[in-house]
Every structure is written in C-alpha cells, then in structure tokens.
C-alpha atoms as a PDB file:
ATOM      1  CA  MET A   1     -12.154  44.079 -42.211  1.00  0.00           C
ATOM      2  CA  LYS A   2      -9.038  42.538 -43.566  1.00  0.00           C
ATOM      3  CA  LYS A   3      -7.482  39.427 -42.066  1.00  0.00           C
ATOM      4  CA  GLY A   4      -4.354  41.336 -41.067  1.00  0.00           C
ATOM      5  CA  THR A   5      -6.404  43.924 -39.204  1.00  0.00           C
ATOM      6  CA  ILE A   6      -8.297  41.233 -37.291  1.00  0.00           C
ATOM      7  CA  TYR A   7      -5.041  39.489 -36.329  1.00  0.00           C
ATOM      8  CA  ALA A   8      -3.539  42.775 -35.172  1.00  0.00           C
ATOM      9  CA  LEU A   9      -6.669  43.539 -33.156  1.00  0.00           C
ATOM     10  CA  PHE A  10      -6.635  40.129 -31.451  1.00  0.00           C
ATOM     11  CA  THR A  11      -2.893  40.394 -30.809  1.00  0.00           C
ATOM     12  CA  GLY A  12      -3.335  43.804 -29.196  1.00  0.00           C
ATOM     13  CA  LEU A  13      -6.301  42.591 -27.175  1.00  0.00           C
ATOM     14  CA  GLY A  14      -4.349  39.549 -25.990  1.00  0.00           C
ATOM     15  CA  PHE A  15      -1.404  41.731 -24.984  1.00  0.00           C
ATOM     16  CA  PHE A  16      -3.714  44.077 -23.076  1.00  0.00           C
ATOM     17  CA  LEU A  17      -5.516  41.243 -21.268  1.00  0.00           C
ATOM     18  CA  GLY A  18      -2.205  39.569 -20.431  1.00  0.00           C
ATOM     19  CA  THR A  19      -0.794  42.760 -18.952  1.00  0.00           C
ATOM     20  CA  ALA A  20      -3.990  43.472 -17.012  1.00  0.00           C
ATOM     21  CA  GLY A  21      -4.039  39.858 -15.801  1.00  0.00           C
ATOM     22  CA  VAL A  22      -0.487  40.080 -14.475  1.00  0.00           C
ATOM     23  CA  LYS A  23      -1.298  43.336 -12.683  1.00  0.00           C
ATOM     24  CA  ALA A  24      -4.444  41.795 -11.160  1.00  0.00           C
ATOM     25  CA  ALA A  25      -2.647  38.589 -10.142  1.00  0.00           C
ATOM     26  CA  THR A  26       0.153  40.457  -8.380  1.00  0.00           C
ATOM     27  CA  SER A  27      -2.012  43.034  -6.604  1.00  0.00           C
ATOM     28  CA  GLU A  28      -2.183  43.249  -2.804  1.00  0.00           C
ATOM     29  CA  THR A  29      -5.858  42.214  -2.808  1.00  0.00           C
ATOM     30  CA  ALA A  30      -5.079  39.113  -4.846  1.00  0.00           C
ATOM     31  CA  ARG A  31      -2.185  38.292  -2.503  1.00  0.00           C
ATOM     32  CA  LYS A  32      -4.517  38.457   0.510  1.00  0.00           C
ATOM     33  CA  GLY A  33      -6.910  36.144  -1.313  1.00  0.00           C
ATOM     34  CA  TYR A  34      -4.089  33.682  -2.032  1.00  0.00           C
ATOM     35  CA  VAL A  35      -3.055  33.725   1.627  1.00  0.00           C
ATOM     36  CA  HIS A  36      -6.615  33.039   2.813  1.00  0.00           C
ATOM     37  CA  ALA A  37      -7.050  30.250   0.280  1.00  0.00           C
ATOM     38  CA  MET A  38      -3.754  28.668   1.370  1.00  0.00           C
ATOM     39  CA  ALA A  39      -4.767  28.906   5.032  1.00  0.00           C
ATOM     40  CA  GLN A  40      -8.069  27.180   4.292  1.00  0.00           C
ATOM     41  CA  GLY A  41      -6.232  24.459   2.405  1.00  0.00           C
ATOM     42  CA  MET A  42      -3.877  23.921   5.330  1.00  0.00           C
ATOM     43  CA  ARG A  43      -6.804  23.695   7.762  1.00  0.00           C
ATOM     44  CA  ALA A  44      -8.519  21.155   5.501  1.00  0.00           C
ATOM     45  CA  LYS A  45      -5.302  19.131   5.286  1.00  0.00           C
ATOM     46  CA  GLY A  46      -4.993  19.126   9.087  1.00  0.00           C
ATOM     47  CA  GLU A  47      -8.576  17.944   9.512  1.00  0.00           C
ATOM     48  CA  TYR A  48      -8.056  15.218   6.914  1.00  0.00           C
ATOM     49  CA  GLU A  49      -4.894  14.002   8.630  1.00  0.00           C
ATOM     50  CA  SER A  50      -6.735  13.970  11.956  1.00  0.00           C
ATOM     51  CA  MET A  51      -9.535  11.860  10.465  1.00  0.00           C
ATOM     52  CA  VAL A  52      -7.031   9.431   8.952  1.00  0.00           C
ATOM     53  CA  GLU A  53      -5.213   9.048  12.290  1.00  0.00           C
ATOM     54  CA  LYS A  54      -8.510   8.347  14.074  1.00  0.00           C
ATOM     55  CA  ALA A  55      -9.447   5.760  11.442  1.00  0.00           C
ATOM     56  CA  LYS A  56      -6.043   4.061  11.789  1.00  0.00           C
ATOM     57  CA  ALA A  57      -6.412   3.938  15.561  1.00  0.00           C
ATOM     58  CA  GLU A  58      -9.900   2.447  15.231  1.00  0.00           C
ATOM     59  CA  TYR A  59      -8.590  -0.128  12.760  1.00  0.00           C
ATOM     60  CA  ASP A  60      -5.758  -1.075  15.113  1.00  0.00           C
ATOM     61  CA  ASP A  61      -8.244  -1.503  17.991  1.00  0.00           C
ATOM     62  CA  ILE A  62     -10.516  -3.707  15.883  1.00  0.00           C
ATOM     63  CA  LYS A  63      -7.576  -5.757  14.660  1.00  0.00           C
ATOM     64  CA  ALA A  64      -6.261  -6.255  18.199  1.00  0.00           C
ATOM     65  CA  GLU A  65      -9.690  -7.298  19.454  1.00  0.00           C
ATOM     66  CA  ALA A  66     -10.129  -9.708  16.539  1.00  0.00           C
ATOM     67  CA  SER A  67      -6.700 -11.216  17.194  1.00  0.00           C
ATOM     68  CA  TYR A  68      -7.584 -11.655  20.857  1.00  0.00           C
ATOM     69  CA  LEU A  69     -10.888 -13.325  19.988  1.00  0.00           C
ATOM     70  CA  ALA A  70      -9.239 -15.555  17.405  1.00  0.00           C
ATOM     71  CA  GLY A  71      -6.610 -16.585  19.944  1.00  0.00           C
ATOM     72  CA  SER A  72      -9.141 -17.313  22.665  1.00  0.00           C
ATOM     73  CA  GLU A  73     -11.360 -19.310  20.290  1.00  0.00           C
ATOM     74  CA  THR A  74      -8.495 -21.553  19.245  1.00  0.00           C
ATOM     75  CA  ALA A  75      -7.439 -22.012  22.858  1.00  0.00           C
ATOM     76  CA  ALA A  76     -10.964 -22.832  24.055  1.00  0.00           C
ATOM     77  CA  PRO A  77     -11.372 -26.166  22.165  1.00  0.00           C
ATOM     78  CA  GLU A  78      -7.988 -27.369  23.404  1.00  0.00           C
ATOM     79  CA  THR A  79      -8.916 -26.796  27.055  1.00  0.00           C
ATOM     80  CA  SER A  80     -12.281 -28.495  26.630  1.00  0.00           C
ATOM     81  CA  ALA A  81     -10.612 -31.477  24.926  1.00  0.00           C
ATOM     82  CA  LYS A  82      -8.202 -31.894  27.868  1.00  0.00           C
ATOM     83  CA  LYS A  83     -11.021 -32.151  30.380  1.00  0.00           C
END
C-alpha cells in the first residue's frame, strides 16, 4: 500500500470512530449511565462531608477537654501552695 492510501484509510477510520463515539456518548443509555454515576458521586461526597464533620466535632471535644485539664493542672499547684 502507498503512504497516501494508508493516511486516507486512517483518516476515514478516525472520522468513523469519532462520529460513532459522539452518537454513543449522546445516547439515552449513556445519559442514564452519566446520571447514575453523578448520583453515586454526590452520595460519596455527602458521606465524606459527614465524616469530616464528625472528625471536626471529635477534635473540638478533645481540644476542649485538653484545655480544661491544662487549666485545672495549672490551678492545682497554686491552691496547694496557698495551703
């Protein structure tokens, strides 16, 4: 085969695959698949945000408890020194 024939063949094949790909990507079945994939992504995002909020709340609780303990430990030596 000549080079020109091979280039023409690949160009035609690329055009055909591109057209078929656009038809497949815009079909009703593909659209339903996109919708389901988007819904799954949104569910995953919601779960992730929920986990992050729980972790932040746990961190805030730990921080508050540590602050309380740190405050009571510094106050304890002062009261024992006054006695």
